[in-house]
Amino acid sequence: MISRRLAPLALGAAILLGATGCSMVSPQATTIPYSPSDGVNVPASGPLQVRNAMVIANEDGTLGNFIGAIVNDTDSAETLNVGIAGRVATVQVPARSVVSLGVDGAQPLFIDSLGAAPGDNVEMAFQSGDGTGVEVAVPVLDGTLPQYAEFVPVAVPVEG
């Protein structure tokens, strides 16, 4: 008689455990890091962090502007080295500040001879401080979205 009373409880416990068991071994989606915007976050290589990195290119992909936020959480000014296609540009970032290239008066980094059309990715290298540097595939966008239209580079004619 007791086993008949415990049978529904045991069945209910088995169903409950079976229905919730997947969440015990599956990764939670909210704990997986990702870039929540159009650009990419660059893995740390030294004291500086690069967030939302992207290149805004002209229609044929010959010219580009590198845009992104560079975060310096240290107590001293730092330099970010940005490499693309064998060329290196530097960005100075004051202590305890953020430099947002292309925003708040900070100019984007101009890239001539980009060679990557909108929709492609371009390999870029980032290094700061004593870090060894990392290479990241950075997305190439165009001015289709209104917030990026002002950053589409225009070739300046050379007078000669």
C-alpha atoms as a PDB file:
ATOM      1  CA  MET A   1       0.000   0.000   0.000  1.00  0.00           C
ATOM      2  CA  ILE A   2       2.856   2.410   0.819  1.00  0.00           C
ATOM      3  CA  SER A   3       4.566   1.671  -2.502  1.00  0.00           C
ATOM      4  CA  ARG A   4       1.368   2.659  -4.355  1.00  0.00           C
ATOM      5  CA  ARG A   5       1.382   6.048  -2.623  1.00  0.00           C
ATOM      6  CA  LEU A   6       5.087   6.640  -3.340  1.00  0.00           C
ATOM      7  CA  ALA A   7       4.885   5.607  -7.017  1.00  0.00           C
ATOM      8  CA  PRO A   8       3.264   8.908  -8.208  1.00  0.00           C
ATOM      9  CA  LEU A   9       5.771  10.914  -6.160  1.00  0.00           C
ATOM     10  CA  ALA A  10       8.695   8.979  -7.619  1.00  0.00           C
ATOM     11  CA  LEU A  11       7.307   9.377 -11.152  1.00  0.00           C
ATOM     12  CA  GLY A  12       6.803  13.124 -10.615  1.00  0.00           C
ATOM     13  CA  ALA A  13      10.349  13.507  -9.271  1.00  0.00           C
ATOM     14  CA  ALA A  14      11.776  11.584 -12.246  1.00  0.00           C
ATOM     15  CA  ILE A  15       9.879  13.770 -14.745  1.00  0.00           C
ATOM     16  CA  LEU A  16      10.927  16.969 -12.965  1.00  0.00           C
ATOM     17  CA  LEU A  17      14.574  15.920 -12.858  1.00  0.00           C
ATOM     18  CA  GLY A  18      14.502  14.781 -16.497  1.00  0.00           C
ATOM     19  CA  ALA A  19      12.943  18.046 -17.669  1.00  0.00           C
ATOM     20  CA  THR A  20      15.469  20.262 -15.868  1.00  0.00           C
ATOM     21  CA  GLY A  21      18.565  18.119 -16.256  1.00  0.00           C
ATOM     22  CA  CYS A  22      19.657  19.738 -19.544  1.00  0.00           C
ATOM     23  CA  SER A  23      20.272  23.079 -17.919  1.00  0.00           C
ATOM     24  CA  MET A  24      22.743  21.500 -15.537  1.00  0.00           C
ATOM     25  CA  VAL A  25      25.218  20.667 -18.340  1.00  0.00           C
ATOM     26  CA  SER A  26      24.373  23.212 -21.067  1.00  0.00           C
ATOM     27  CA  PRO A  27      26.204  26.542 -21.152  1.00  0.00           C
ATOM     28  CA  GLN A  28      24.075  29.557 -20.372  1.00  0.00           C
ATOM     29  CA  ALA A  29      23.791  31.845 -23.385  1.00  0.00           C
ATOM     30  CA  THR A  30      24.027  34.919 -21.179  1.00  0.00           C
ATOM     31  CA  THR A  31      27.527  33.965 -20.046  1.00  0.00           C
ATOM     32  CA  ILE A  32      28.997  33.708 -23.569  1.00  0.00           C
ATOM     33  CA  PRO A  33      30.887  36.902 -24.518  1.00  0.00           C
ATOM     34  CA  TYR A  34      29.937  38.505 -27.835  1.00  0.00           C
ATOM     35  CA  SER A  35      30.109  41.837 -29.632  1.00  0.00           C
ATOM     36  CA  PRO A  36      26.647  43.409 -29.349  1.00  0.00           C
ATOM     37  CA  SER A  37      27.134  45.851 -32.225  1.00  0.00           C
ATOM     38  CA  ASP A  38      28.286  45.909 -35.841  1.00  0.00           C
ATOM     39  CA  GLY A  39      31.972  45.925 -34.877  1.00  0.00           C
ATOM     40  CA  VAL A  40      34.045  43.416 -32.936  1.00  0.00           C
ATOM     41  CA  ASN A  41      35.715  43.551 -29.537  1.00  0.00           C
ATOM     42  CA  VAL A  42      39.430  42.832 -29.744  1.00  0.00           C
ATOM     43  CA  PRO A  43      40.885  40.407 -27.178  1.00  0.00           C
ATOM     44  CA  ALA A  44      43.138  42.290 -24.767  1.00  0.00           C
ATOM     45  CA  SER A  45      46.762  42.577 -25.831  1.00  0.00           C
ATOM     46  CA  GLY A  46      48.376  44.837 -23.305  1.00  0.00           C
ATOM     47  CA  PRO A  47      46.783  47.458 -21.104  1.00  0.00           C
ATOM     48  CA  LEU A  48      44.375  48.883 -23.708  1.00  0.00           C
ATOM     49  CA  GLN A  49      41.017  47.418 -24.731  1.00  0.00           C
ATOM     50  CA  VAL A  50      39.568  47.914 -28.216  1.00  0.00           C
ATOM     51  CA  ARG A  51      35.799  47.759 -28.489  1.00  0.00           C
ATOM     52  CA  ASN A  52      33.415  47.850 -31.454  1.00  0.00           C
ATOM     53  CA  ALA A  53      36.198  47.895 -34.054  1.00  0.00           C
ATOM     54  CA  MET A  54      35.051  48.280 -37.660  1.00  0.00           C
ATOM     55  CA  VAL A  55      36.165  49.747 -40.954  1.00  0.00           C
ATOM     56  CA  ILE A  56      33.810  51.966 -42.946  1.00  0.00           C
ATOM     57  CA  ALA A  57      34.774  51.689 -46.626  1.00  0.00           C
ATOM     58  CA  ASN A  58      33.861  53.394 -49.854  1.00  0.00           C
ATOM     59  CA  GLU A  59      31.801  51.488 -52.391  1.00  0.00           C
ATOM     60  CA  ASP A  60      34.692  49.771 -54.186  1.00  0.00           C
ATOM     61  CA  GLY A  61      36.654  49.000 -50.999  1.00  0.00           C
ATOM     62  CA  THR A  62      39.760  50.984 -51.896  1.00  0.00           C
ATOM     63  CA  LEU A  63      39.565  53.444 -48.985  1.00  0.00           C
ATOM     64  CA  GLY A  64      38.497  52.920 -45.385  1.00  0.00           C
ATOM     65  CA  ASN A  65      38.138  54.585 -42.001  1.00  0.00           C
ATOM     66  CA  PHE A  66      38.886  52.558 -38.881  1.00  0.00           C
ATOM     67  CA  ILE A  67      36.401  53.318 -36.113  1.00  0.00           C
ATOM     68  CA  GLY A  68      36.329  51.963 -32.579  1.00  0.00           C
ATOM     69  CA  ALA A  69      36.573  52.788 -28.876  1.00  0.00           C
ATOM     70  CA  ILE A  70      39.921  52.400 -27.129  1.00  0.00           C
ATOM     71  CA  VAL A  71      39.748  52.095 -23.347  1.00  0.00           C
ATOM     72  CA  ASN A  72      42.651  52.853 -21.019  1.00  0.00           C
ATOM     73  CA  ASP A  73      41.962  51.790 -17.420  1.00  0.00           C
ATOM     74  CA  THR A  74      45.558  52.419 -16.302  1.00  0.00           C
ATOM     75  CA  ASP A  75      47.057  55.392 -14.453  1.00  0.00           C
ATOM     76  CA  SER A  76      49.376  56.296 -17.344  1.00  0.00           C
ATOM     77  CA  ALA A  77      48.954  57.306 -20.975  1.00  0.00           C
ATOM     78  CA  GLU A  78      49.296  54.399 -23.404  1.00  0.00           C
ATOM     79  CA  THR A  79      49.781  53.945 -27.141  1.00  0.00           C
ATOM     80  CA  LEU A  80      47.791  51.569 -29.325  1.00  0.00           C
ATOM     81  CA  ASN A  81      49.525  50.280 -32.452  1.00  0.00           C
ATOM     82  CA  VAL A  82      47.091  49.363 -35.216  1.00  0.00           C
ATOM     83  CA  GLY A  83      48.483  47.389 -38.143  1.00  0.00           C
ATOM     84  CA  ILE A  84      46.893  46.682 -41.499  1.00  0.00           C
ATOM     85  CA  ALA A  85      48.494  45.542 -44.766  1.00  0.00           C
ATOM     86  CA  GLY A  86      52.032  46.151 -43.525  1.00  0.00           C
ATOM     87  CA  ARG A  87      51.341  49.686 -42.294  1.00  0.00           C
ATOM     88  CA  VAL A  88      51.110  50.740 -38.648  1.00  0.00           C
ATOM     89  CA  ALA A  89      49.224  53.681 -37.157  1.00  0.00           C
ATOM     90  CA  THR A  90      49.334  54.767 -33.527  1.00  0.00           C
ATOM     91  CA  VAL A  91      46.672  56.203 -31.255  1.00  0.00           C
ATOM     92  CA  GLN A  92      47.553  57.952 -27.995  1.00  0.00           C
ATOM     93  CA  VAL A  93      45.119  57.248 -25.155  1.00  0.00           C
ATOM     94  CA  PRO A  94      45.351  59.359 -21.974  1.00  0.00           C
ATOM     95  CA  ALA A  95      45.219  57.686 -18.557  1.00  0.00           C
ATOM     96  CA  ARG A  96      41.791  56.616 -17.300  1.00  0.00           C
ATOM     97  CA  SER A  97      39.991  57.598 -20.502  1.00  0.00           C
ATOM     98  CA  VAL A  98      38.312  56.368 -23.656  1.00  0.00           C
ATOM     99  CA  VAL A  99      39.179  57.525 -27.158  1.00  0.00           C
ATOM    100  CA  SER A 100      36.313  56.870 -29.555  1.00  0.00           C
ATOM    101  CA  LEU A 101      37.697  57.131 -33.063  1.00  0.00           C
ATOM    102  CA  GLY A 102      35.207  58.927 -35.286  1.00  0.00           C
ATOM    103  CA  VAL A 103      33.161  60.283 -32.370  1.00  0.00           C
ATOM    104  CA  ASP A 104      33.388  63.365 -30.131  1.00  0.00           C
ATOM    105  CA  GLY A 105      35.927  65.106 -32.329  1.00  0.00           C
ATOM    106  CA  ALA A 106      38.357  62.157 -32.539  1.00  0.00           C
ATOM    107  CA  GLN A 107      39.160  61.486 -36.193  1.00  0.00           C
ATOM    108  CA  PRO A 108      38.893  57.932 -37.533  1.00  0.00           C
ATOM    109  CA  LEU A 109      42.085  56.318 -38.820  1.00  0.00           C
ATOM    110  CA  PHE A 110      42.229  56.654 -42.617  1.00  0.00           C
ATOM    111  CA  ILE A 111      43.262  53.517 -44.532  1.00  0.00           C
ATOM    112  CA  ASP A 112      44.317  53.924 -48.161  1.00  0.00           C
ATOM    113  CA  SER A 113      44.617  50.862 -50.401  1.00  0.00           C
ATOM    114  CA  LEU A 114      42.177  48.952 -48.182  1.00  0.00           C
ATOM    115  CA  GLY A 115      41.446  46.180 -50.675  1.00  0.00           C
ATOM    116  CA  ALA A 116      38.329  44.922 -48.895  1.00  0.00           C
ATOM    117  CA  ALA A 117      34.813  45.644 -50.083  1.00  0.00           C
ATOM    118  CA  PRO A 118      31.898  46.290 -47.719  1.00  0.00           C
ATOM    119  CA  GLY A 119      30.683  42.951 -46.388  1.00  0.00           C
ATOM    120  CA  ASP A 120      34.204  41.516 -46.158  1.00  0.00           C
ATOM    121  CA  ASN A 121      36.482  41.224 -43.146  1.00  0.00           C
ATOM    122  CA  VAL A 122      39.990  42.643 -43.053  1.00  0.00           C
ATOM    123  CA  GLU A 123      42.809  41.274 -40.876  1.00  0.00           C
ATOM    124  CA  MET A 124      44.110  43.907 -38.472  1.00  0.00           C
ATOM    125  CA  ALA A 125      46.741  43.698 -35.728  1.00  0.00           C
ATOM    126  CA  PHE A 126      46.470  45.450 -32.358  1.00  0.00           C
ATOM    127  CA  GLN A 127      49.195  45.892 -29.745  1.00  0.00           C
ATOM    128  CA  SER A 128      49.706  48.088 -26.677  1.00  0.00           C
ATOM    129  CA  GLY A 129      52.154  48.254 -23.779  1.00  0.00           C
ATOM    130  CA  ASP A 130      54.177  45.067 -23.323  1.00  0.00           C
ATOM    131  CA  GLY A 131      51.499  42.939 -25.013  1.00  0.00           C
ATOM    132  CA  THR A 132      52.490  40.621 -27.852  1.00  0.00           C
ATOM    133  CA  GLY A 133      49.670  41.782 -30.116  1.00  0.00           C
ATOM    134  CA  VAL A 134      46.668  40.049 -31.609  1.00  0.00           C
ATOM    135  CA  GLU A 135      45.258  39.748 -35.112  1.00  0.00           C
ATOM    136  CA  VAL A 136      41.521  40.066 -35.560  1.00  0.00           C
ATOM    137  CA  ALA A 137      39.162  39.886 -38.538  1.00  0.00           C
ATOM    138  CA  VAL A 138      37.466  43.297 -38.476  1.00  0.00           C
ATOM    139  CA  PRO A 139      34.207  43.779 -40.424  1.00  0.00           C
ATOM    140  CA  VAL A 140      34.115  46.205 -43.344  1.00  0.00           C
ATOM    141  CA  LEU A 141      30.882  48.200 -43.589  1.00  0.00           C
ATOM    142  CA  ASP A 142      29.640  50.963 -45.863  1.00  0.00           C
ATOM    143  CA  GLY A 143      27.407  53.994 -45.475  1.00  0.00           C
ATOM    144  CA  THR A 144      24.142  52.133 -45.984  1.00  0.00           C
ATOM    145  CA  LEU A 145      23.246  52.626 -42.317  1.00  0.00           C
ATOM    146  CA  PRO A 146      22.706  56.331 -41.627  1.00  0.00           C
ATOM    147  CA  GLN A 147      24.934  56.347 -38.528  1.00  0.00           C
ATOM    148  CA  TYR A 148      27.938  55.343 -40.662  1.00  0.00           C
ATOM    149  CA  ALA A 149      27.289  57.509 -43.742  1.00  0.00           C
ATOM    150  CA  GLU A 150      29.433  60.401 -42.482  1.00  0.00           C
ATOM    151  CA  PHE A 151      32.461  58.092 -42.110  1.00  0.00           C
ATOM    152  CA  VAL A 152      32.571  56.833 -45.706  1.00  0.00           C
ATOM    153  CA  PRO A 153      35.961  58.026 -46.968  1.00  0.00           C
ATOM    154  CA  VAL A 154      36.224  60.177 -50.055  1.00  0.00           C
ATOM    155  CA  ALA A 155      39.380  60.287 -52.146  1.00  0.00           C
ATOM    156  CA  VAL A 156      41.031  63.687 -52.074  1.00  0.00           C
ATOM    157  CA  PRO A 157      42.376  64.705 -55.488  1.00  0.00           C
ATOM    158  CA  VAL A 158      46.116  65.311 -55.581  1.00  0.00           C
ATOM    159  CA  GLU A 159      47.134  68.623 -57.098  1.00  0.00           C
ATOM    160  CA  GLY A 160      50.170  68.467 -59.177  1.00  0.00           C
END
